[in-house]
Amino acid sequence: MDERLQHMCLTMCDPAEAGLLATNEGYFYALFPMTIIGISVAPMEDDAGALLGIDDDGDNVITGIDASDANIPGTWATPMCKGQEKPVYIAEGSLMSFDFTDAAAGNTFYIHIWYLIGELL
C-alpha cells in the first residue's frame, strides 16, 4: 500500500440548484482505493442543525458530523488524526456522495477530507 497522506478540499451547496434540502449532493466516483482518516466541515453561515454524512455506493459510511457552526468546524477523526473513529475504506470505482441533513436552510459547506491511498491493513 502507498501510505501517502492526501487531502481533498470541496465546496458544496445544499441544496444544489433544483435540488431539495437534505438530499445527496456532490456525487463522484473514487478513481482509486482510499482510506478516509479525517474530515473537517463548516458552513458559510451558521445553521444550528446541519449534519454531514458521506455515502459509499448508497450506504451511509460516515454520519452525523456537526456542520452547524461557521467558526468551529465539525470534525470526524481516526486515531491517526487524534480521534476515536474507525478508518473508512472506499473501494476504487465506488460512487461517493455527500448528505447534509437537519439543516434549517440552504447553505454552502466547506469540507476537508484527509485520506491514505489504498487500504489500511
PDB file of N, CA and C in Angstrom:
ATOM      1  N   MET A   1       0.835  -1.197   0.000  1.00  0.00           N
ATOM      2  CA  MET A   1       0.000   0.000   0.000  1.00  0.00           C
ATOM      3  C   MET A   1       0.869   1.246   0.000  1.00  0.00           C
ATOM      4  N   ASP A   2       0.448   2.241  -0.709  1.00  0.00           N
ATOM      5  CA  ASP A   2       1.102   3.536  -0.731  1.00  0.00           C
ATOM      6  C   ASP A   2       0.444   4.376   0.355  1.00  0.00           C
ATOM      7  N   GLU A   3       1.140   4.655   1.436  1.00  0.00           N
ATOM      8  CA  GLU A   3       0.519   5.318   2.581  1.00  0.00           C
ATOM      9  C   GLU A   3       0.742   6.824   2.600  1.00  0.00           C
ATOM     10  N   ARG A   4       0.783   7.428   1.440  1.00  0.00           N
ATOM     11  CA  ARG A   4       0.947   8.877   1.399  1.00  0.00           C
ATOM     12  C   ARG A   4      -0.353   9.556   1.825  1.00  0.00           C
ATOM     13  N   LEU A   5      -0.218  10.515   2.700  1.00  0.00           N
ATOM     14  CA  LEU A   5      -1.370  11.299   3.138  1.00  0.00           C
ATOM     15  C   LEU A   5      -1.805  12.223   2.011  1.00  0.00           C
ATOM     16  N   GLN A   6      -3.111  12.224   1.730  1.00  0.00           N
ATOM     17  CA  GLN A   6      -3.690  13.057   0.687  1.00  0.00           C
ATOM     18  C   GLN A   6      -4.763  13.954   1.312  1.00  0.00           C
ATOM     19  N   HIS A   7      -5.063  15.046   0.644  1.00  0.00           N
ATOM     20  CA  HIS A   7      -6.069  15.989   1.138  1.00  0.00           C
ATOM     21  C   HIS A   7      -6.986  16.384  -0.004  1.00  0.00           C
ATOM     22  N   MET A   8      -8.284  16.391   0.273  1.00  0.00           N
ATOM     23  CA  MET A   8      -9.283  16.810  -0.707  1.00  0.00           C
ATOM     24  C   MET A   8     -10.071  17.963  -0.095  1.00  0.00           C
ATOM     25  N   CYS A   9     -10.190  19.052  -0.820  1.00  0.00           N
ATOM     26  CA  CYS A   9     -10.938  20.219  -0.354  1.00  0.00           C
ATOM     27  C   CYS A   9     -12.133  20.413  -1.281  1.00  0.00           C
ATOM     28  N   LEU A  10     -13.339  20.421  -0.719  1.00  0.00           N
ATOM     29  CA  LEU A  10     -14.558  20.531  -1.507  1.00  0.00           C
ATOM     30  C   LEU A  10     -15.418  21.678  -0.995  1.00  0.00           C
ATOM     31  N   THR A  11     -16.094  22.353  -1.900  1.00  0.00           N
ATOM     32  CA  THR A  11     -17.109  23.335  -1.537  1.00  0.00           C
ATOM     33  C   THR A  11     -18.409  22.855  -2.151  1.00  0.00           C
ATOM     34  N   MET A  12     -19.441  22.694  -1.312  1.00  0.00           N
ATOM     35  CA  MET A  12     -20.728  22.193  -1.795  1.00  0.00           C
ATOM     36  C   MET A  12     -21.862  23.048  -1.278  1.00  0.00           C
ATOM     37  N   CYS A  13     -22.891  23.132  -2.095  1.00  0.00           N
ATOM     38  CA  CYS A  13     -24.104  23.834  -1.704  1.00  0.00           C
ATOM     39  C   CYS A  13     -25.207  22.815  -1.473  1.00  0.00           C
ATOM     40  N   ASP A  14     -25.986  23.037  -0.447  1.00  0.00           N
ATOM     41  CA  ASP A  14     -27.163  22.216  -0.182  1.00  0.00           C
ATOM     42  C   ASP A  14     -28.316  23.163   0.085  1.00  0.00           C
ATOM     43  N   PRO A  15     -29.343  23.167  -0.701  1.00  0.00           N
ATOM     44  CA  PRO A  15     -29.493  22.270  -1.852  1.00  0.00           C
ATOM     45  C   PRO A  15     -28.770  22.812  -3.069  1.00  0.00           C
ATOM     46  N   ALA A  16     -28.383  21.886  -3.939  1.00  0.00           N
ATOM     47  CA  ALA A  16     -27.818  22.287  -5.225  1.00  0.00           C
ATOM     48  C   ALA A  16     -28.957  22.850  -6.069  1.00  0.00           C
ATOM     49  N   GLU A  17     -28.613  23.526  -7.139  1.00  0.00           N
ATOM     50  CA  GLU A  17     -29.636  24.113  -7.995  1.00  0.00           C
ATOM     51  C   GLU A  17     -30.659  23.054  -8.394  1.00  0.00           C
ATOM     52  N   ALA A  18     -31.923  23.332  -8.188  1.00  0.00           N
ATOM     53  CA  ALA A  18     -33.055  22.451  -8.499  1.00  0.00           C
ATOM     54  C   ALA A  18     -33.108  21.220  -7.599  1.00  0.00           C
ATOM     55  N   GLY A  19     -32.292  21.172  -6.569  1.00  0.00           N
ATOM     56  CA  GLY A  19     -32.332  20.035  -5.639  1.00  0.00           C
ATOM     57  C   GLY A  19     -33.189  20.345  -4.439  1.00  0.00           C
ATOM     58  N   LEU A  20     -33.319  19.380  -3.577  1.00  0.00           N
ATOM     59  CA  LEU A  20     -34.073  19.546  -2.345  1.00  0.00           C
ATOM     60  C   LEU A  20     -33.118  19.588  -1.160  1.00  0.00           C
ATOM     61  N   LEU A  21     -33.490  20.333  -0.131  1.00  0.00           N
ATOM     62  CA  LEU A  21     -32.712  20.375   1.092  1.00  0.00           C
ATOM     63  C   LEU A  21     -32.605  18.965   1.651  1.00  0.00           C
ATOM     64  N   ALA A  22     -31.431  18.578   2.117  1.00  0.00           N
ATOM     65  CA  ALA A  22     -31.166  17.288   2.760  1.00  0.00           C
ATOM     66  C   ALA A  22     -31.200  16.108   1.791  1.00  0.00           C
ATOM     67  N   THR A  23     -30.939  16.333   0.529  1.00  0.00           N
ATOM     68  CA  THR A  23     -30.748  15.230  -0.406  1.00  0.00           C
ATOM     69  C   THR A  23     -29.270  15.145  -0.743  1.00  0.00           C
ATOM     70  N   ASN A  24     -28.837  13.995  -1.204  1.00  0.00           N
ATOM     71  CA  ASN A  24     -27.415  13.816  -1.500  1.00  0.00           C
ATOM     72  C   ASN A  24     -26.945  14.815  -2.553  1.00  0.00           C
ATOM     73  N   GLU A  25     -25.727  15.289  -2.385  1.00  0.00           N
ATOM     74  CA  GLU A  25     -25.100  16.258  -3.277  1.00  0.00           C
ATOM     75  C   GLU A  25     -23.702  15.753  -3.620  1.00  0.00           C
ATOM     76  N   GLY A  26     -23.093  16.366  -4.598  1.00  0.00           N
ATOM     77  CA  GLY A  26     -21.678  16.157  -4.864  1.00  0.00           C
ATOM     78  C   GLY A  26     -21.260  14.741  -5.177  1.00  0.00           C
ATOM     79  N   TYR A  27     -21.939  14.106  -6.105  1.00  0.00           N
ATOM     80  CA  TYR A  27     -21.578  12.744  -6.478  1.00  0.00           C
ATOM     81  C   TYR A  27     -20.266  12.704  -7.253  1.00  0.00           C
ATOM     82  N   PHE A  28     -19.429  11.703  -6.960  1.00  0.00           N
ATOM     83  CA  PHE A  28     -18.253  11.431  -7.783  1.00  0.00           C
ATOM     84  C   PHE A  28     -17.794   9.999  -7.555  1.00  0.00           C
ATOM     85  N   TYR A  29     -17.070   9.463  -8.519  1.00  0.00           N
ATOM     86  CA  TYR A  29     -16.522   8.114  -8.409  1.00  0.00           C
ATOM     87  C   TYR A  29     -15.108   8.171  -7.853  1.00  0.00           C
ATOM     88  N   ALA A  30     -14.806   7.260  -6.947  1.00  0.00           N
ATOM     89  CA  ALA A  30     -13.444   7.132  -6.428  1.00  0.00           C
ATOM     90  C   ALA A  30     -12.583   6.521  -7.531  1.00  0.00           C
ATOM     91  N   LEU A  31     -11.574   7.218  -7.967  1.00  0.00           N
ATOM     92  CA  LEU A  31     -10.738   6.751  -9.068  1.00  0.00           C
ATOM     93  C   LEU A  31      -9.660   5.767  -8.618  1.00  0.00           C
ATOM     94  N   PHE A  32      -9.502   5.634  -7.315  1.00  0.00           N
ATOM     95  CA  PHE A  32      -8.521   4.707  -6.746  1.00  0.00           C
ATOM     96  C   PHE A  32      -9.004   4.342  -5.343  1.00  0.00           C
ATOM     97  N   PRO A  33      -8.542   3.245  -4.775  1.00  0.00           N
ATOM     98  CA  PRO A  33      -8.956   2.890  -3.424  1.00  0.00           C
ATOM     99  C   PRO A  33      -8.355   3.867  -2.414  1.00  0.00           C
ATOM    100  N   MET A  34      -9.138   4.190  -1.391  1.00  0.00           N
ATOM    101  CA  MET A  34      -8.652   5.132  -0.372  1.00  0.00           C
ATOM    102  C   MET A  34      -9.212   4.773   1.000  1.00  0.00           C
ATOM    103  N   THR A  35      -8.519   5.209   2.026  1.00  0.00           N
ATOM    104  CA  THR A  35      -8.980   5.052   3.402  1.00  0.00           C
ATOM    105  C   THR A  35      -9.105   6.432   4.021  1.00  0.00           C
ATOM    106  N   ILE A  36     -10.322   6.821   4.358  1.00  0.00           N
ATOM    107  CA  ILE A  36     -10.566   8.140   4.961  1.00  0.00           C
ATOM    108  C   ILE A  36     -10.155   8.091   6.428  1.00  0.00           C
ATOM    109  N   ILE A  37      -9.341   9.077   6.841  1.00  0.00           N
ATOM    110  CA  ILE A  37      -8.869   9.107   8.225  1.00  0.00           C
ATOM    111  C   ILE A  37      -9.258  10.380   8.970  1.00  0.00           C
ATOM    112  N   GLY A  38      -9.720  11.403   8.264  1.00  0.00           N
ATOM    113  CA  GLY A  38     -10.123  12.635   8.941  1.00  0.00           C
ATOM    114  C   GLY A  38     -10.980  13.513   8.055  1.00  0.00           C
ATOM    115  N   ILE A  39     -11.932  14.223   8.678  1.00  0.00           N
ATOM    116  CA  ILE A  39     -12.821  15.138   7.958  1.00  0.00           C
ATOM    117  C   ILE A  39     -13.052  16.365   8.829  1.00  0.00           C
ATOM    118  N   SER A  40     -13.103  17.510   8.186  1.00  0.00           N
ATOM    119  CA  SER A  40     -13.480  18.755   8.846  1.00  0.00           C
ATOM    120  C   SER A  40     -14.499  19.447   7.952  1.00  0.00           C
ATOM    121  N   VAL A  41     -15.553  20.007   8.552  1.00  0.00           N
ATOM    122  CA  VAL A  41     -16.591  20.663   7.756  1.00  0.00           C
ATOM    123  C   VAL A  41     -17.134  21.878   8.499  1.00  0.00           C
ATOM    124  N   ALA A  42     -17.401  22.939   7.741  1.00  0.00           N
ATOM    125  CA  ALA A  42     -18.021  24.134   8.319  1.00  0.00           C
ATOM    126  C   ALA A  42     -18.921  24.779   7.265  1.00  0.00           C
ATOM    127  N   PRO A  43     -20.022  25.384   7.703  1.00  0.00           N
ATOM    128  CA  PRO A  43     -20.902  26.081   6.764  1.00  0.00           C
ATOM    129  C   PRO A  43     -20.436  27.515   6.538  1.00  0.00           C
ATOM    130  N   MET A  44     -20.917  28.124   5.469  1.00  0.00           N
ATOM    131  CA  MET A  44     -20.647  29.543   5.246  1.00  0.00           C
ATOM    132  C   MET A  44     -21.386  30.372   6.301  1.00  0.00           C
ATOM    133  N   GLU A  45     -22.647  29.995   6.576  1.00  0.00           N
ATOM    134  CA  GLU A  45     -23.475  30.670   7.582  1.00  0.00           C
ATOM    135  C   GLU A  45     -23.866  29.662   8.645  1.00  0.00           C
ATOM    136  N   ASP A  46     -23.905  30.083   9.909  1.00  0.00           N
ATOM    137  CA  ASP A  46     -24.313  29.178  10.991  1.00  0.00           C
ATOM    138  C   ASP A  46     -25.681  28.571  10.715  1.00  0.00           C
ATOM    139  N   ASP A  47     -25.837  27.307  11.065  1.00  0.00           N
ATOM    140  CA  ASP A  47     -27.103  26.586  10.945  1.00  0.00           C
ATOM    141  C   ASP A  47     -27.127  25.558  12.066  1.00  0.00           C
ATOM    142  N   ALA A  48     -27.922  25.816  13.083  1.00  0.00           N
ATOM    143  CA  ALA A  48     -27.879  25.042  14.323  1.00  0.00           C
ATOM    144  C   ALA A  48     -28.049  23.541  14.151  1.00  0.00           C
ATOM    145  N   GLY A  49     -28.673  23.066  13.068  1.00  0.00           N
ATOM    146  CA  GLY A  49     -28.931  21.639  12.977  1.00  0.00           C
ATOM    147  C   GLY A  49     -28.153  20.884  11.926  1.00  0.00           C
ATOM    148  N   ALA A  50     -27.348  21.534  11.110  1.00  0.00           N
ATOM    149  CA  ALA A  50     -26.733  20.879   9.955  1.00  0.00           C
ATOM    150  C   ALA A  50     -25.756  19.775  10.359  1.00  0.00           C
ATOM    151  N   LEU A  51     -25.906  18.619   9.697  1.00  0.00           N
ATOM    152  CA  LEU A  51     -25.021  17.470   9.888  1.00  0.00           C
ATOM    153  C   LEU A  51     -24.571  16.976   8.515  1.00  0.00           C
ATOM    154  N   LEU A  52     -23.352  16.469   8.435  1.00  0.00           N
ATOM    155  CA  LEU A  52     -22.824  15.909   7.198  1.00  0.00           C
ATOM    156  C   LEU A  52     -22.701  14.401   7.319  1.00  0.00           C
ATOM    157  N   GLY A  53     -23.120  13.712   6.254  1.00  0.00           N
ATOM    158  CA  GLY A  53     -22.885  12.278   6.138  1.00  0.00           C
ATOM    159  C   GLY A  53     -22.268  12.006   4.780  1.00  0.00           C
ATOM    160  N   ILE A  54     -21.480  10.944   4.703  1.00  0.00           N
ATOM    161  CA  ILE A  54     -20.866  10.537   3.446  1.00  0.00           C
ATOM    162  C   ILE A  54     -21.344   9.129   3.109  1.00  0.00           C
ATOM    163  N   ASP A  55     -21.767   8.970   1.863  1.00  0.00           N
ATOM    164  CA  ASP A  55     -22.263   7.678   1.392  1.00  0.00           C
ATOM    165  C   ASP A  55     -21.272   7.056   0.417  1.00  0.00           C
ATOM    166  N   ASP A  56     -21.166   5.739   0.497  1.00  0.00           N
ATOM    167  CA  ASP A  56     -20.343   4.941  -0.416  1.00  0.00           C
ATOM    168  C   ASP A  56     -21.280   3.967  -1.112  1.00  0.00           C
ATOM    169  N   ASP A  57     -21.517   4.163  -2.395  1.00  0.00           N
ATOM    170  CA  ASP A  57     -22.468   3.341  -3.159  1.00  0.00           C
ATOM    171  C   ASP A  57     -23.831   3.271  -2.479  1.00  0.00           C
ATOM    172  N   GLY A  58     -24.279   4.407  -1.930  1.00  0.00           N
ATOM    173  CA  GLY A  58     -25.598   4.496  -1.316  1.00  0.00           C
ATOM    174  C   GLY A  58     -25.655   4.100   0.141  1.00  0.00           C
ATOM    175  N   ASP A  59     -24.576   3.577   0.702  1.00  0.00           N
ATOM    176  CA  ASP A  59     -24.544   3.191   2.120  1.00  0.00           C
ATOM    177  C   ASP A  59     -23.936   4.316   2.945  1.00  0.00           C
ATOM    178  N   ASN A  60     -24.581   4.632   4.069  1.00  0.00           N
ATOM    179  CA  ASN A  60     -24.035   5.641   4.976  1.00  0.00           C
ATOM    180  C   ASN A  60     -22.792   5.073   5.660  1.00  0.00           C
ATOM    181  N   VAL A  61     -21.622   5.546   5.293  1.00  0.00           N
ATOM    182  CA  VAL A  61     -20.399   5.034   5.908  1.00  0.00           C
ATOM    183  C   VAL A  61     -19.846   5.990   6.969  1.00  0.00           C
ATOM    184  N   ILE A  62     -20.192   7.263   6.860  1.00  0.00           N
ATOM    185  CA  ILE A  62     -19.817   8.265   7.865  1.00  0.00           C
ATOM    186  C   ILE A  62     -21.047   9.135   8.064  1.00  0.00           C
ATOM    187  N   THR A  63     -21.479   9.295   9.301  1.00  0.00           N
ATOM    188  CA  THR A  63     -22.699  10.057   9.566  1.00  0.00           C
ATOM    189  C   THR A  63     -22.519  10.994  10.759  1.00  0.00           C
ATOM    190  N   GLY A  64     -23.388  11.995  10.811  1.00  0.00           N
ATOM    191  CA  GLY A  64     -23.513  12.845  11.988  1.00  0.00           C
ATOM    192  C   GLY A  64     -22.370  13.785  12.289  1.00  0.00           C
ATOM    193  N   ILE A  65     -21.637  14.236  11.281  1.00  0.00           N
ATOM    194  CA  ILE A  65     -20.578  15.215  11.548  1.00  0.00           C
ATOM    195  C   ILE A  65     -21.228  16.589  11.683  1.00  0.00           C
ATOM    196  N   ASP A  66     -20.970  17.253  12.787  1.00  0.00           N
ATOM    197  CA  ASP A  66     -21.544  18.573  13.050  1.00  0.00           C
ATOM    198  C   ASP A  66     -21.070  19.568  11.994  1.00  0.00           C
ATOM    199  N   ALA A  67     -22.008  20.092  11.232  1.00  0.00           N
ATOM    200  CA  ALA A  67     -21.692  21.077  10.191  1.00  0.00           C
ATOM    201  C   ALA A  67     -22.482  22.354  10.442  1.00  0.00           C
ATOM    202  N   SER A  68     -22.612  22.744  11.704  1.00  0.00           N
ATOM    203  CA  SER A  68     -23.526  23.819  12.068  1.00  0.00           C
ATOM    204  C   SER A  68     -22.883  25.174  12.342  1.00  0.00           C
ATOM    205  N   ASP A  69     -21.611  25.214  12.657  1.00  0.00           N
ATOM    206  CA  ASP A  69     -21.001  26.452  13.124  1.00  0.00           C
ATOM    207  C   ASP A  69     -19.881  26.896  12.191  1.00  0.00           C
ATOM    208  N   ALA A  70     -20.027  28.070  11.612  1.00  0.00           N
ATOM    209  CA  ALA A  70     -19.026  28.587  10.671  1.00  0.00           C
ATOM    210  C   ALA A  70     -17.673  28.828  11.344  1.00  0.00           C
ATOM    211  N   ASN A  71     -17.672  29.142  12.633  1.00  0.00           N
ATOM    212  CA  ASN A  71     -16.428  29.467  13.334  1.00  0.00           C
ATOM    213  C   ASN A  71     -15.783  28.282  14.031  1.00  0.00           C
ATOM    214  N   ILE A  72     -16.510  27.164  14.147  1.00  0.00           N
ATOM    215  CA  ILE A  72     -15.979  25.975  14.828  1.00  0.00           C
ATOM    216  C   ILE A  72     -16.277  24.764  13.940  1.00  0.00           C
ATOM    217  N   PRO A  73     -15.364  24.412  13.031  1.00  0.00           N
ATOM    218  CA  PRO A  73     -15.622  23.289  12.130  1.00  0.00           C
ATOM    219  C   PRO A  73     -15.885  21.994  12.895  1.00  0.00           C
ATOM    220  N   GLY A  74     -16.848  21.236  12.381  1.00  0.00           N
ATOM    221  CA  GLY A  74     -17.098  19.917  12.932  1.00  0.00           C
ATOM    222  C   GLY A  74     -16.033  18.963  12.419  1.00  0.00           C
ATOM    223  N   THR A  75     -15.695  17.955  13.222  1.00  0.00           N
ATOM    224  CA  THR A  75     -14.650  17.029  12.820  1.00  0.00           C
ATOM    225  C   THR A  75     -15.083  15.585  13.005  1.00  0.00           C
ATOM    226  N   TRP A  76     -14.471  14.735  12.235  1.00  0.00           N
ATOM    227  CA  TRP A  76     -14.570  13.285  12.329  1.00  0.00           C
ATOM    228  C   TRP A  76     -13.137  12.824  12.172  1.00  0.00           C
ATOM    229  N   ALA A  77     -12.605  12.136  13.167  1.00  0.00           N
ATOM    230  CA  ALA A  77     -11.182  11.818  13.140  1.00  0.00           C
ATOM    231  C   ALA A  77     -10.901  10.422  13.683  1.00  0.00           C
ATOM    232  N   THR A  78      -9.959   9.745  13.043  1.00  0.00           N
ATOM    233  CA  THR A  78      -9.486   8.439  13.483  1.00  0.00           C
ATOM    234  C   THR A  78      -8.318   8.651  14.450  1.00  0.00           C
ATOM    235  N   PRO A  79      -7.835   7.586  15.083  1.00  0.00           N
ATOM    236  CA  PRO A  79      -6.678   7.749  15.972  1.00  0.00           C
ATOM    237  C   PRO A  79      -5.461   8.368  15.284  1.00  0.00           C
ATOM    238  N   MET A  80      -5.310   8.173  13.972  1.00  0.00           N
ATOM    239  CA  MET A  80      -4.196   8.788  13.242  1.00  0.00           C
ATOM    240  C   MET A  80      -4.305  10.307  13.246  1.00  0.00           C
ATOM    241  N   CYS A  81      -5.526  10.819  13.460  1.00  0.00           N
ATOM    242  CA  CYS A  81      -5.780  12.268  13.496  1.00  0.00           C
ATOM    243  C   CYS A  81      -6.232  12.712  14.884  1.00  0.00           C
ATOM    244  N   LYS A  82      -5.837  11.947  15.893  1.00  0.00           N
ATOM    245  CA  LYS A  82      -6.137  12.246  17.300  1.00  0.00           C
ATOM    246  C   LYS A  82      -7.625  12.152  17.637  1.00  0.00           C
ATOM    247  N   GLY A  83      -8.335  11.219  16.979  1.00  0.00           N
ATOM    248  CA  GLY A  83      -9.756  10.990  17.249  1.00  0.00           C
ATOM    249  C   GLY A  83     -10.022   9.555  17.636  1.00  0.00           C
ATOM    250  N   GLN A  84     -11.292   9.170  17.631  1.00  0.00           N
ATOM    251  CA  GLN A  84     -11.705   7.837  18.075  1.00  0.00           C
ATOM    252  C   GLN A  84     -12.413   7.023  16.995  1.00  0.00           C
ATOM    253  N   GLU A  85     -12.644   7.602  15.815  1.00  0.00           N
ATOM    254  CA  GLU A  85     -13.413   6.908  14.782  1.00  0.00           C
ATOM    255  C   GLU A  85     -12.575   5.830  14.089  1.00  0.00           C
ATOM    256  N   LYS A  86     -13.278   4.872  13.494  1.00  0.00           N
ATOM    257  CA  LYS A  86     -12.612   3.809  12.750  1.00  0.00           C
ATOM    258  C   LYS A  86     -12.380   4.277  11.311  1.00  0.00           C
ATOM    259  N   PRO A  87     -11.175   4.066  10.732  1.00  0.00           N
ATOM    260  CA  PRO A  87     -10.938   4.465   9.347  1.00  0.00           C
ATOM    261  C   PRO A  87     -11.962   3.815   8.413  1.00  0.00           C
ATOM    262  N   VAL A  88     -12.327   4.525   7.352  1.00  0.00           N
ATOM    263  CA  VAL A  88     -13.328   4.038   6.402  1.00  0.00           C
ATOM    264  C   VAL A  88     -12.668   3.816   5.051  1.00  0.00           C
ATOM    265  N   TYR A  89     -12.741   2.564   4.579  1.00  0.00           N
ATOM    266  CA  TYR A  89     -12.169   2.196   3.288  1.00  0.00           C
ATOM    267  C   TYR A  89     -13.197   2.436   2.187  1.00  0.00           C
ATOM    268  N   ILE A  90     -12.755   3.070   1.110  1.00  0.00           N
ATOM    269  CA  ILE A  90     -13.579   3.316  -0.069  1.00  0.00           C
ATOM    270  C   ILE A  90     -12.905   2.609  -1.244  1.00  0.00           C
ATOM    271  N   ALA A  91     -13.611   1.656  -1.869  1.00  0.00           N
ATOM    272  CA  ALA A  91     -13.040   0.884  -2.969  1.00  0.00           C
ATOM    273  C   ALA A  91     -12.964   1.713  -4.248  1.00  0.00           C
ATOM    274  N   GLU A  92     -12.015   1.383  -5.104  1.00  0.00           N
ATOM    275  CA  GLU A  92     -11.915   2.004  -6.412  1.00  0.00           C
ATOM    276  C   GLU A  92     -13.226   1.798  -7.166  1.00  0.00           C
ATOM    277  N   GLY A  93     -13.742   2.863  -7.778  1.00  0.00           N
ATOM    278  CA  GLY A  93     -14.982   2.785  -8.535  1.00  0.00           C
ATOM    279  C   GLY A  93     -16.235   3.027  -7.720  1.00  0.00           C
ATOM    280  N   SER A  94     -16.117   3.195  -6.408  1.00  0.00           N
ATOM    281  CA  SER A  94     -17.285   3.473  -5.569  1.00  0.00           C
ATOM    282  C   SER A  94     -17.889   4.829  -5.913  1.00  0.00           C
ATOM    283  N   LEU A  95     -19.213   4.894  -5.890  1.00  0.00           N
ATOM    284  CA  LEU A  95     -19.915   6.162  -6.087  1.00  0.00           C
ATOM    285  C   LEU A  95     -20.073   6.821  -4.726  1.00  0.00           C
ATOM    286  N   MET A  96     -19.398   7.933  -4.541  1.00  0.00           N
ATOM    287  CA  MET A  96     -19.466   8.658  -3.268  1.00  0.00           C
ATOM    288  C   MET A  96     -20.427   9.823  -3.406  1.00  0.00           C
ATOM    289  N   SER A  97     -21.100  10.145  -2.301  1.00  0.00           N
ATOM    290  CA  SER A  97     -21.975  11.316  -2.270  1.00  0.00           C
ATOM    291  C   SER A  97     -21.973  11.889  -0.866  1.00  0.00           C
ATOM    292  N   PHE A  98     -22.418  13.121  -0.774  1.00  0.00           N
ATOM    293  CA  PHE A  98     -22.428  13.850   0.482  1.00  0.00           C
ATOM    294  C   PHE A  98     -23.858  14.218   0.823  1.00  0.00           C
ATOM    295  N   ASP A  99     -24.227  14.065   2.078  1.00  0.00           N
ATOM    296  CA  ASP A  99     -25.600  14.252   2.521  1.00  0.00           C
ATOM    297  C   ASP A  99     -25.616  15.220   3.703  1.00  0.00           C
ATOM    298  N   PHE A 100     -26.243  16.377   3.519  1.00  0.00           N
ATOM    299  CA  PHE A 100     -26.391  17.346   4.600  1.00  0.00           C
ATOM    300  C   PHE A 100     -27.808  17.210   5.141  1.00  0.00           C
ATOM    301  N   THR A 101     -27.929  16.836   6.400  1.00  0.00           N
ATOM    302  CA  THR A 101     -29.247  16.618   6.997  1.00  0.00           C
ATOM    303  C   THR A 101     -29.506  17.614   8.121  1.00  0.00           C
ATOM    304  N   ASP A 102     -30.773  17.758   8.463  1.00  0.00           N
ATOM    305  CA  ASP A 102     -31.237  18.586   9.591  1.00  0.00           C
ATOM    306  C   ASP A 102     -30.885  20.061   9.478  1.00  0.00           C
ATOM    307  N   ALA A 103     -30.533  20.524   8.282  1.00  0.00           N
ATOM    308  CA  ALA A 103     -30.248  21.951   8.094  1.00  0.00           C
ATOM    309  C   ALA A 103     -31.560  22.727   8.034  1.00  0.00           C
ATOM    310  N   ALA A 104     -31.544  23.932   8.562  1.00  0.00           N
ATOM    311  CA  ALA A 104     -32.746  24.763   8.572  1.00  0.00           C
ATOM    312  C   ALA A 104     -32.964  25.468   7.236  1.00  0.00           C
ATOM    313  N   ALA A 105     -31.878  25.681   6.499  1.00  0.00           N
ATOM    314  CA  ALA A 105     -31.974  26.417   5.228  1.00  0.00           C
ATOM    315  C   ALA A 105     -30.814  26.023   4.332  1.00  0.00           C
ATOM    316  N   GLY A 106     -30.899  26.422   3.073  1.00  0.00           N
ATOM    317  CA  GLY A 106     -29.807  26.166   2.147  1.00  0.00           C
ATOM    318  C   GLY A 106     -28.533  26.868   2.603  1.00  0.00           C
ATOM    319  N   ASN A 107     -27.391  26.293   2.257  1.00  0.00           N
ATOM    320  CA  ASN A 107     -26.128  26.838   2.730  1.00  0.00           C
ATOM    321  C   ASN A 107     -25.002  26.333   1.831  1.00  0.00           C
ATOM    322  N   THR A 108     -23.838  26.918   1.979  1.00  0.00           N
ATOM    323  CA  THR A 108     -22.625  26.435   1.341  1.00  0.00           C
ATOM    324  C   THR A 108     -21.754  25.837   2.434  1.00  0.00           C
ATOM    325  N   PHE A 109     -21.134  24.689   2.127  1.00  0.00           N
ATOM    326  CA  PHE A 109     -20.316  23.985   3.112  1.00  0.00           C
ATOM    327  C   PHE A 109     -18.911  23.786   2.576  1.00  0.00           C
ATOM    328  N   TYR A 110     -17.939  23.930   3.458  1.00  0.00           N
ATOM    329  CA  TYR A 110     -16.526  23.743   3.132  1.00  0.00           C
ATOM    330  C   TYR A 110     -16.073  22.448   3.807  1.00  0.00           C
ATOM    331  N   ILE A 111     -15.625  21.498   2.998  1.00  0.00           N
ATOM    332  CA  ILE A 111     -15.287  20.166   3.501  1.00  0.00           C
ATOM    333  C   ILE A 111     -13.826  19.870   3.195  1.00  0.00           C
ATOM    334  N   HIS A 112     -13.115  19.362   4.191  1.00  0.00           N
ATOM    335  CA  HIS A 112     -11.741  18.904   4.020  1.00  0.00           C
ATOM    336  C   HIS A 112     -11.709  17.427   4.402  1.00  0.00           C
ATOM    337  N   ILE A 113     -11.133  16.606   3.534  1.00  0.00           N
ATOM    338  CA  ILE A 113     -11.033  15.175   3.781  1.00  0.00           C
ATOM    339  C   ILE A 113      -9.566  14.773   3.673  1.00  0.00           C
ATOM    340  N   TRP A 114      -9.068  14.083   4.712  1.00  0.00           N
ATOM    341  CA  TRP A 114      -7.719  13.541   4.688  1.00  0.00           C
ATOM    342  C   TRP A 114      -7.839  12.041   4.523  1.00  0.00           C
ATOM    343  N   TYR A 115      -7.030  11.483   3.624  1.00  0.00           N
ATOM    344  CA  TYR A 115      -7.120  10.056   3.348  1.00  0.00           C
ATOM    345  C   TYR A 115      -5.760   9.509   2.932  1.00  0.00           C
ATOM    346  N   LEU A 116      -5.653   8.179   2.999  1.00  0.00           N
ATOM    347  CA  LEU A 116      -4.485   7.487   2.520  1.00  0.00           C
ATOM    348  C   LEU A 116      -4.877   6.703   1.281  1.00  0.00           C
ATOM    349  N   ILE A 117      -3.996   6.597   0.319  1.00  0.00           N
ATOM    350  CA  ILE A 117      -4.286   5.807  -0.866  1.00  0.00           C
ATOM    351  C   ILE A 117      -4.182   4.336  -0.490  1.00  0.00           C
ATOM    352  N   GLY A 118      -5.210   3.561  -0.856  1.00  0.00           N
ATOM    353  CA  GLY A 118      -5.223   2.136  -0.563  1.00  0.00           C
ATOM    354  C   GLY A 118      -5.990   1.822   0.713  1.00  0.00           C
ATOM    355  N   GLU A 119      -5.789   0.615   1.207  1.00  0.00           N
ATOM    356  CA  GLU A 119      -6.499   0.128   2.388  1.00  0.00           C
ATOM    357  C   GLU A 119      -5.519  -0.092   3.530  1.00  0.00           C
ATOM    358  N   LEU A 120      -5.873   0.376   4.720  1.00  0.00           N
ATOM    359  CA  LEU A 120      -5.040   0.119   5.891  1.00  0.00           C
ATOM    360  C   LEU A 120      -5.170  -1.344   6.268  1.00  0.00           C
ATOM    361  N   LEU A 121      -4.073  -1.986   6.567  1.00  0.00           N
ATOM    362  CA  LEU A 121      -4.116  -3.400   6.955  1.00  0.00           C
ATOM    363  C   LEU A 121      -4.043  -3.545   8.446  1.00  0.00           C
TER     364      LEU A 121
END
